[in-house]
Amino acid sequence: MSITIRPATPDDVAAIFSFSQLLSEYEKLAHEMVGTQEDLHRCLFGERPYAESFVAEVEGNVVASATYFYNFSTFLMKPGIYLEDLFVLPDYRRQGIATALLKHLANHAIEQGCGRFEWSVLDWNVDAIAVYKKLGAVLMNEWTVCRVDGKALSSLAHLGE
């Protein structure tokens, strides 16, 4: 099997959006998937892109994607890459596609002068955790993710007004 990894194009948005929907279902978070395909297109290819994506093709078919964005480390004084979503269609799993995408992103991070490549994984996803550890990833158990969204985000933005 030959895997081709390339930057996503606007023609790939429908596939990437579909992968995001499938991932939300797999992670038991479909109820939180409120964005639209048009939102994704704007955020990947609009006037001010906020994210980028690579896709993996097998025999000309897009079967996986990795969507990421840049962050910044004030300790390293370098940018980093944060992998938001990695998804491989079920029929193509356990064939090295996810590893190929991670390797591609690691090379991309180095080419871009990044000092880090990070992502999150749900604690119950033991299969993914095992793969990530085998690839050299370190679980940052001492860190807790903080999130403010929806009404809490609006309340924080208007705090004290």
N, C-alpha and C. Protein backbone atom coordinates (compact mmCIF):
# COMPACT_ATOMS: atom_id res chain seq x y z
N MET A 1 0.86 -1.18 0.00
CA MET A 1 0.00 0.00 0.00
C MET A 1 0.90 1.24 0.00
N SER A 2 0.61 2.14 -0.90
CA SER A 2 1.36 3.39 -1.00
C SER A 2 0.53 4.52 -0.40
N ILE A 3 1.14 5.24 0.54
CA ILE A 3 0.49 6.36 1.21
C ILE A 3 1.10 7.65 0.71
N THR A 4 0.26 8.58 0.28
CA THR A 4 0.71 9.90 -0.13
C THR A 4 0.17 10.91 0.87
N ILE A 5 1.07 11.72 1.43
CA ILE A 5 0.66 12.77 2.36
C ILE A 5 0.93 14.10 1.69
N ARG A 6 -0.08 14.96 1.74
CA ARG A 6 0.05 16.26 1.09
C ARG A 6 -0.76 17.30 1.86
N PRO A 7 -0.43 18.60 1.65
CA PRO A 7 -1.25 19.64 2.28
C PRO A 7 -2.68 19.57 1.75
N ALA A 8 -3.61 19.81 2.61
CA ALA A 8 -5.02 19.83 2.20
C ALA A 8 -5.27 21.01 1.27
N THR A 9 -6.25 20.85 0.41
CA THR A 9 -6.70 21.91 -0.49
C THR A 9 -8.18 22.16 -0.18
N PRO A 10 -8.74 23.24 -0.72
CA PRO A 10 -10.17 23.48 -0.50
C PRO A 10 -11.05 22.29 -0.93
N ASP A 11 -10.60 21.52 -1.90
CA ASP A 11 -11.37 20.35 -2.34
C ASP A 11 -11.43 19.25 -1.27
N ASP A 12 -10.56 19.32 -0.28
CA ASP A 12 -10.52 18.31 0.77
C ASP A 12 -11.40 18.65 1.97
N VAL A 13 -11.98 19.83 1.99
CA VAL A 13 -12.72 20.28 3.17
C VAL A 13 -13.86 19.33 3.53
N ALA A 14 -14.60 18.85 2.55
CA ALA A 14 -15.72 17.95 2.85
C ALA A 14 -15.22 16.68 3.54
N ALA A 15 -14.11 16.12 3.07
CA ALA A 15 -13.57 14.91 3.69
C ALA A 15 -13.09 15.20 5.11
N ILE A 16 -12.36 16.29 5.30
CA ILE A 16 -11.84 16.64 6.62
C ILE A 16 -13.01 16.88 7.59
N PHE A 17 -14.04 17.57 7.11
CA PHE A 17 -15.21 17.81 7.96
C PHE A 17 -15.87 16.48 8.36
N SER A 18 -16.00 15.60 7.39
CA SER A 18 -16.58 14.28 7.67
C SER A 18 -15.74 13.54 8.71
N PHE A 19 -14.42 13.62 8.59
CA PHE A 19 -13.54 12.96 9.56
C PHE A 19 -13.75 13.57 10.95
N SER A 20 -13.93 14.88 11.02
CA SER A 20 -14.17 15.53 12.32
C SER A 20 -15.48 15.03 12.93
N GLN A 21 -16.49 14.87 12.10
CA GLN A 21 -17.76 14.33 12.60
C GLN A 21 -17.58 12.90 13.13
N LEU A 22 -16.88 12.08 12.37
CA LEU A 22 -16.65 10.69 12.79
C LEU A 22 -15.81 10.65 14.07
N LEU A 23 -14.82 11.53 14.17
CA LEU A 23 -14.01 11.58 15.38
C LEU A 23 -14.84 12.00 16.59
N SER A 24 -15.72 12.97 16.39
CA SER A 24 -16.57 13.40 17.51
C SER A 24 -17.45 12.26 17.99
N GLU A 25 -17.91 11.43 17.07
CA GLU A 25 -18.72 10.27 17.46
C GLU A 25 -17.87 9.24 18.20
N TYR A 26 -16.67 8.97 17.68
CA TYR A 26 -15.77 8.01 18.32
C TYR A 26 -15.42 8.45 19.74
N GLU A 27 -15.20 9.75 19.92
CA GLU A 27 -14.84 10.29 21.23
C GLU A 27 -16.04 10.53 22.13
N LYS A 28 -17.22 10.15 21.64
CA LYS A 28 -18.47 10.31 22.40
C LYS A 28 -18.75 11.79 22.70
N LEU A 29 -18.41 12.64 21.72
CA LEU A 29 -18.58 14.08 21.88
C LEU A 29 -19.36 14.70 20.71
N ALA A 30 -20.14 13.90 20.01
CA ALA A 30 -20.87 14.40 18.85
C ALA A 30 -21.78 15.57 19.21
N HIS A 31 -22.29 15.58 20.44
CA HIS A 31 -23.17 16.67 20.88
C HIS A 31 -22.42 18.01 20.93
N GLU A 32 -21.09 17.98 20.94
CA GLU A 32 -20.32 19.22 20.97
C GLU A 32 -19.91 19.70 19.58
N MET A 33 -20.18 18.91 18.57
CA MET A 33 -19.81 19.25 17.18
C MET A 33 -20.87 20.19 16.64
N VAL A 34 -20.62 21.50 16.72
CA VAL A 34 -21.60 22.49 16.27
C VAL A 34 -21.11 23.30 15.08
N GLY A 35 -19.81 23.19 14.74
CA GLY A 35 -19.29 23.91 13.59
C GLY A 35 -19.78 23.31 12.29
N THR A 36 -19.66 24.09 11.22
CA THR A 36 -20.14 23.65 9.91
C THR A 36 -18.96 23.46 8.95
N GLN A 37 -19.26 22.85 7.85
CA GLN A 37 -18.26 22.68 6.80
C GLN A 37 -17.78 24.04 6.32
N GLU A 38 -18.67 25.01 6.25
CA GLU A 38 -18.30 26.37 5.83
C GLU A 38 -17.35 27.01 6.85
N ASP A 39 -17.58 26.77 8.14
CA ASP A 39 -16.67 27.26 9.18
C ASP A 39 -15.28 26.68 8.98
N LEU A 40 -15.23 25.38 8.73
CA LEU A 40 -13.93 24.72 8.52
C LEU A 40 -13.22 25.32 7.31
N HIS A 41 -13.95 25.49 6.22
CA HIS A 41 -13.35 26.06 5.01
C HIS A 41 -12.75 27.44 5.31
N ARG A 42 -13.51 28.27 6.01
CA ARG A 42 -13.04 29.62 6.34
C ARG A 42 -11.78 29.57 7.23
N CYS A 43 -11.77 28.65 8.18
CA CYS A 43 -10.65 28.58 9.12
C CYS A 43 -9.40 27.95 8.51
N LEU A 44 -9.57 27.13 7.48
CA LEU A 44 -8.41 26.55 6.79
C LEU A 44 -7.94 27.39 5.60
N PHE A 45 -8.89 28.03 4.90
CA PHE A 45 -8.53 28.67 3.63
C PHE A 45 -9.06 30.09 3.48
N GLY A 46 -9.57 30.67 4.55
CA GLY A 46 -10.12 32.02 4.48
C GLY A 46 -9.03 33.07 4.45
N GLU A 47 -9.46 34.31 4.56
CA GLU A 47 -8.54 35.45 4.53
C GLU A 47 -7.47 35.34 5.61
N ARG A 48 -7.86 34.86 6.78
CA ARG A 48 -6.90 34.65 7.87
C ARG A 48 -7.04 33.20 8.35
N PRO A 49 -6.27 32.29 7.78
CA PRO A 49 -6.36 30.89 8.20
C PRO A 49 -5.91 30.72 9.65
N TYR A 50 -6.63 29.91 10.39
CA TYR A 50 -6.31 29.65 11.79
C TYR A 50 -5.74 28.26 11.99
N ALA A 51 -5.87 27.40 11.01
CA ALA A 51 -5.38 26.03 11.11
C ALA A 51 -4.94 25.57 9.73
N GLU A 52 -4.23 24.47 9.73
CA GLU A 52 -3.78 23.84 8.49
C GLU A 52 -4.05 22.34 8.62
N SER A 53 -4.00 21.65 7.51
CA SER A 53 -4.27 20.23 7.54
C SER A 53 -3.45 19.52 6.47
N PHE A 54 -3.02 18.32 6.81
CA PHE A 54 -2.44 17.41 5.84
C PHE A 54 -3.43 16.28 5.67
N VAL A 55 -3.50 15.74 4.46
CA VAL A 55 -4.33 14.57 4.22
C VAL A 55 -3.46 13.43 3.74
N ALA A 56 -3.93 12.22 4.01
CA ALA A 56 -3.26 11.02 3.52
C ALA A 56 -4.16 10.37 2.49
N GLU A 57 -3.55 10.02 1.37
CA GLU A 57 -4.28 9.36 0.29
C GLU A 57 -3.75 7.95 0.09
N VAL A 58 -4.66 7.05 -0.22
CA VAL A 58 -4.32 5.70 -0.64
C VAL A 58 -5.07 5.47 -1.93
N GLU A 59 -4.35 5.15 -2.99
CA GLU A 59 -4.94 4.92 -4.31
C GLU A 59 -5.82 6.10 -4.74
N GLY A 60 -5.37 7.32 -4.43
CA GLY A 60 -6.08 8.52 -4.85
C GLY A 60 -7.26 8.92 -3.98
N ASN A 61 -7.54 8.15 -2.93
CA ASN A 61 -8.65 8.46 -2.04
C ASN A 61 -8.13 9.02 -0.73
N VAL A 62 -8.73 10.12 -0.27
CA VAL A 62 -8.36 10.70 1.02
C VAL A 62 -8.94 9.80 2.11
N VAL A 63 -8.04 9.24 2.94
CA VAL A 63 -8.47 8.27 3.95
C VAL A 63 -8.13 8.73 5.37
N ALA A 64 -7.43 9.87 5.48
CA ALA A 64 -7.04 10.34 6.81
C ALA A 64 -6.66 11.81 6.72
N SER A 65 -6.70 12.45 7.89
CA SER A 65 -6.25 13.85 7.95
C SER A 65 -5.66 14.15 9.31
N ALA A 66 -4.82 15.18 9.31
CA ALA A 66 -4.23 15.70 10.54
C ALA A 66 -4.37 17.22 10.47
N THR A 67 -5.14 17.78 11.37
CA THR A 67 -5.39 19.22 11.40
C THR A 67 -4.65 19.81 12.60
N TYR A 68 -3.91 20.89 12.35
CA TYR A 68 -3.04 21.44 13.38
C TYR A 68 -3.00 22.96 13.29
N PHE A 69 -2.43 23.57 14.32
CA PHE A 69 -2.20 25.01 14.31
C PHE A 69 -0.91 25.29 15.07
N TYR A 70 -0.42 26.49 14.92
CA TYR A 70 0.82 26.88 15.59
C TYR A 70 0.50 27.51 16.94
N ASN A 71 1.35 27.19 17.91
CA ASN A 71 1.30 27.84 19.20
C ASN A 71 2.69 28.41 19.48
N PHE A 72 2.95 28.84 20.70
CA PHE A 72 4.24 29.44 21.00
C PHE A 72 4.66 29.11 22.42
N SER A 73 5.93 28.78 22.59
CA SER A 73 6.49 28.51 23.92
C SER A 73 7.37 29.68 24.35
N THR A 74 7.00 30.31 25.46
CA THR A 74 7.83 31.38 25.99
C THR A 74 9.06 30.82 26.71
N PHE A 75 9.07 29.53 27.02
CA PHE A 75 10.26 28.91 27.61
C PHE A 75 11.30 28.66 26.52
N LEU A 76 10.85 28.18 25.38
CA LEU A 76 11.76 27.89 24.27
C LEU A 76 12.00 29.11 23.38
N MET A 77 11.06 30.06 23.44
CA MET A 77 11.05 31.20 22.52
C MET A 77 11.03 30.71 21.08
N LYS A 78 10.18 29.72 20.86
CA LYS A 78 9.99 29.12 19.54
C LYS A 78 8.53 28.76 19.35
N PRO A 79 8.11 28.70 18.10
CA PRO A 79 6.75 28.21 17.84
C PRO A 79 6.70 26.70 18.06
N GLY A 80 5.49 26.21 18.14
CA GLY A 80 5.25 24.78 18.21
C GLY A 80 4.05 24.44 17.36
N ILE A 81 3.84 23.17 17.15
CA ILE A 81 2.66 22.70 16.43
C ILE A 81 1.78 21.96 17.42
N TYR A 82 0.49 22.27 17.40
CA TYR A 82 -0.48 21.56 18.20
C TYR A 82 -1.41 20.81 17.25
N LEU A 83 -1.41 19.50 17.37
CA LEU A 83 -2.28 18.64 16.56
C LEU A 83 -3.66 18.63 17.17
N GLU A 84 -4.62 19.20 16.48
CA GLU A 84 -5.99 19.25 16.99
C GLU A 84 -6.73 17.95 16.71
N ASP A 85 -6.64 17.44 15.49
CA ASP A 85 -7.34 16.21 15.12
C ASP A 85 -6.45 15.34 14.25
N LEU A 86 -6.46 14.06 14.55
CA LEU A 86 -5.85 13.04 13.71
C LEU A 86 -6.91 11.96 13.52
N PHE A 87 -7.26 11.69 12.28
CA PHE A 87 -8.31 10.70 12.03
C PHE A 87 -7.97 9.87 10.82
N VAL A 88 -8.14 8.56 10.96
CA VAL A 88 -7.96 7.60 9.87
C VAL A 88 -9.26 6.81 9.75
N LEU A 89 -9.76 6.70 8.53
CA LEU A 89 -10.98 5.90 8.33
C LEU A 89 -10.77 4.48 8.87
N PRO A 90 -11.81 3.90 9.48
CA PRO A 90 -11.68 2.59 10.13
C PRO A 90 -11.06 1.50 9.24
N ASP A 91 -11.43 1.44 7.98
CA ASP A 91 -10.90 0.39 7.10
C ASP A 91 -9.41 0.53 6.82
N TYR A 92 -8.83 1.67 7.16
CA TYR A 92 -7.42 1.94 6.87
C TYR A 92 -6.56 2.00 8.13
N ARG A 93 -7.14 1.70 9.27
CA ARG A 93 -6.39 1.74 10.53
C ARG A 93 -5.45 0.53 10.63
N ARG A 94 -4.44 0.70 11.47
CA ARG A 94 -3.43 -0.34 11.73
C ARG A 94 -2.63 -0.69 10.48
N GLN A 95 -2.48 0.32 9.60
CA GLN A 95 -1.69 0.14 8.39
C GLN A 95 -0.57 1.16 8.30
N GLY A 96 -0.31 1.88 9.40
CA GLY A 96 0.79 2.82 9.43
C GLY A 96 0.46 4.23 8.97
N ILE A 97 -0.80 4.50 8.68
CA ILE A 97 -1.18 5.82 8.16
C ILE A 97 -1.07 6.89 9.25
N ALA A 98 -1.57 6.61 10.44
CA ALA A 98 -1.47 7.59 11.53
C ALA A 98 -0.01 7.87 11.85
N THR A 99 0.81 6.83 11.90
CA THR A 99 2.24 7.02 12.17
C THR A 99 2.89 7.84 11.07
N ALA A 100 2.51 7.58 9.82
CA ALA A 100 3.07 8.35 8.70
C ALA A 100 2.68 9.83 8.82
N LEU A 101 1.44 10.10 9.22
CA LEU A 101 1.02 11.50 9.41
C LEU A 101 1.77 12.15 10.55
N LEU A 102 1.95 11.45 11.66
CA LEU A 102 2.69 12.00 12.79
C LEU A 102 4.15 12.27 12.41
N LYS A 103 4.75 11.35 11.69
CA LYS A 103 6.14 11.54 11.22
C LYS A 103 6.20 12.75 10.30
N HIS A 104 5.25 12.88 9.40
CA HIS A 104 5.21 14.02 8.48
C HIS A 104 5.09 15.34 9.26
N LEU A 105 4.22 15.36 10.25
CA LEU A 105 4.06 16.57 11.06
C LEU A 105 5.32 16.87 11.86
N ALA A 106 5.99 15.85 12.38
CA ALA A 106 7.24 16.06 13.11
C ALA A 106 8.28 16.69 12.18
N ASN A 107 8.38 16.19 10.97
CA ASN A 107 9.32 16.77 9.99
C ASN A 107 8.92 18.20 9.66
N HIS A 108 7.64 18.43 9.49
CA HIS A 108 7.14 19.78 9.19
C HIS A 108 7.49 20.73 10.34
N ALA A 109 7.31 20.26 11.57
CA ALA A 109 7.64 21.09 12.74
C ALA A 109 9.12 21.47 12.72
N ILE A 110 9.97 20.52 12.44
CA ILE A 110 11.41 20.80 12.38
C ILE A 110 11.71 21.79 11.27
N GLU A 111 11.13 21.58 10.09
CA GLU A 111 11.34 22.50 8.95
C GLU A 111 10.89 23.92 9.27
N GLN A 112 9.86 24.05 10.11
CA GLN A 112 9.32 25.37 10.46
C GLN A 112 10.02 25.98 11.67
N GLY A 113 11.04 25.32 12.19
CA GLY A 113 11.78 25.84 13.33
C GLY A 113 11.05 25.70 14.66
N CYS A 114 10.13 24.76 14.73
CA CYS A 114 9.36 24.56 15.96
C CYS A 114 10.17 23.79 17.00
N GLY A 115 9.90 24.09 18.24
CA GLY A 115 10.56 23.40 19.33
C GLY A 115 9.72 22.31 19.96
N ARG A 116 8.43 22.25 19.60
CA ARG A 116 7.52 21.27 20.19
C ARG A 116 6.49 20.81 19.17
N PHE A 117 6.00 19.61 19.42
CA PHE A 117 4.88 19.04 18.68
C PHE A 117 4.01 18.38 19.75
N GLU A 118 2.81 18.90 19.96
CA GLU A 118 1.96 18.45 21.05
C GLU A 118 0.56 18.09 20.56
N TRP A 119 -0.11 17.29 21.37
CA TRP A 119 -1.51 16.97 21.13
C TRP A 119 -2.10 16.42 22.42
N SER A 120 -3.38 16.28 22.45
CA SER A 120 -4.07 15.69 23.60
C SER A 120 -4.69 14.38 23.18
N VAL A 121 -4.87 13.50 24.15
CA VAL A 121 -5.53 12.23 23.91
C VAL A 121 -6.42 11.95 25.11
N LEU A 122 -7.60 11.44 24.84
CA LEU A 122 -8.51 11.09 25.93
C LEU A 122 -7.91 9.95 26.75
N ASP A 123 -8.04 10.03 28.07
CA ASP A 123 -7.38 9.06 28.94
C ASP A 123 -7.90 7.63 28.77
N TRP A 124 -9.09 7.46 28.21
CA TRP A 124 -9.62 6.12 28.00
C TRP A 124 -9.17 5.49 26.68
N ASN A 125 -8.50 6.27 25.84
CA ASN A 125 -8.07 5.77 24.53
C ASN A 125 -6.71 5.08 24.65
N VAL A 126 -6.73 3.93 25.31
CA VAL A 126 -5.48 3.24 25.64
C VAL A 126 -4.71 2.77 24.41
N ASP A 127 -5.42 2.42 23.33
CA ASP A 127 -4.72 2.00 22.11
C ASP A 127 -3.89 3.15 21.54
N ALA A 128 -4.50 4.32 21.47
CA ALA A 128 -3.77 5.49 20.95
C ALA A 128 -2.62 5.85 21.88
N ILE A 129 -2.85 5.81 23.17
CA ILE A 129 -1.80 6.15 24.14
C ILE A 129 -0.60 5.21 23.96
N ALA A 130 -0.86 3.93 23.77
CA ALA A 130 0.23 2.97 23.57
C ALA A 130 1.04 3.30 22.32
N VAL A 131 0.35 3.64 21.24
CA VAL A 131 1.04 4.01 20.00
C VAL A 131 1.87 5.27 20.22
N TYR A 132 1.29 6.27 20.84
CA TYR A 132 2.00 7.53 21.06
C TYR A 132 3.24 7.33 21.93
N LYS A 133 3.12 6.52 22.96
CA LYS A 133 4.28 6.25 23.81
C LYS A 133 5.38 5.53 23.02
N LYS A 134 4.97 4.58 22.18
CA LYS A 134 5.94 3.84 21.36
C LYS A 134 6.69 4.79 20.42
N LEU A 135 6.02 5.87 20.00
CA LEU A 135 6.63 6.84 19.10
C LEU A 135 7.49 7.87 19.85
N GLY A 136 7.51 7.78 21.18
CA GLY A 136 8.34 8.69 21.96
C GLY A 136 7.60 9.83 22.64
N ALA A 137 6.28 9.85 22.54
CA ALA A 137 5.51 10.91 23.19
C ALA A 137 5.54 10.72 24.71
N VAL A 138 5.58 11.83 25.41
CA VAL A 138 5.55 11.83 26.86
C VAL A 138 4.19 12.35 27.30
N LEU A 139 3.50 11.59 28.15
CA LEU A 139 2.21 12.05 28.67
C LEU A 139 2.48 13.09 29.75
N MET A 140 1.83 14.23 29.64
CA MET A 140 2.05 15.35 30.55
C MET A 140 0.97 15.32 31.64
N ASN A 141 0.97 14.29 32.46
CA ASN A 141 -0.08 14.07 33.44
C ASN A 141 -0.17 15.16 34.50
N GLU A 142 0.90 15.90 34.70
CA GLU A 142 0.87 16.94 35.72
C GLU A 142 0.19 18.22 35.24
N TRP A 143 -0.15 18.28 33.99
CA TRP A 143 -0.85 19.45 33.43
C TRP A 143 -2.32 19.15 33.29
N THR A 144 -3.17 20.13 33.57
CA THR A 144 -4.60 20.01 33.40
C THR A 144 -5.04 21.05 32.38
N VAL A 145 -5.80 20.62 31.40
CA VAL A 145 -6.30 21.53 30.38
C VAL A 145 -7.40 22.40 30.98
N CYS A 146 -7.34 23.69 30.72
CA CYS A 146 -8.40 24.62 31.13
C CYS A 146 -9.13 25.08 29.89
N ARG A 147 -10.43 25.19 29.99
CA ARG A 147 -11.22 25.63 28.84
C ARG A 147 -12.33 26.55 29.32
N VAL A 148 -12.52 27.62 28.57
CA VAL A 148 -13.65 28.52 28.78
C VAL A 148 -14.31 28.64 27.41
N ASP A 149 -15.60 28.30 27.31
CA ASP A 149 -16.30 28.41 26.04
C ASP A 149 -17.75 28.79 26.28
N GLY A 150 -18.47 29.04 25.21
CA GLY A 150 -19.89 29.34 25.30
C GLY A 150 -20.19 30.50 26.23
N LYS A 151 -21.17 30.30 27.11
CA LYS A 151 -21.59 31.36 28.04
C LYS A 151 -20.46 31.76 28.98
N ALA A 152 -19.64 30.80 29.40
CA ALA A 152 -18.53 31.12 30.31
C ALA A 152 -17.51 32.03 29.61
N LEU A 153 -17.28 31.83 28.33
CA LEU A 153 -16.37 32.69 27.57
C LEU A 153 -16.93 34.10 27.49
N SER A 154 -18.20 34.21 27.18
CA SER A 154 -18.86 35.51 27.12
C SER A 154 -18.82 36.21 28.47
N SER A 155 -19.09 35.46 29.53
CA SER A 155 -19.07 36.04 30.89
C SER A 155 -17.68 36.53 31.23
N LEU A 156 -16.65 35.77 30.92
CA LEU A 156 -15.29 36.20 31.20
C LEU A 156 -14.93 37.45 30.40
N ALA A 157 -15.34 37.50 29.16
CA ALA A 157 -15.05 38.65 28.31
C ALA A 157 -15.69 39.93 28.86
N HIS A 158 -16.81 39.79 29.54
CA HIS A 158 -17.54 40.96 30.06
C HIS A 158 -17.44 41.08 31.58
N LEU A 159 -16.49 40.39 32.18
CA LEU A 159 -16.31 40.41 33.63
C LEU A 159 -16.09 41.84 34.14
N GLY A 160 -16.87 42.22 35.10
CA GLY A 160 -16.71 43.53 35.72
C GLY A 160 -17.36 44.68 34.98
N GLU A 161 -18.03 44.40 33.89
CA GLU A 161 -18.68 45.49 33.13
C GLU A 161 -20.02 45.83 33.72
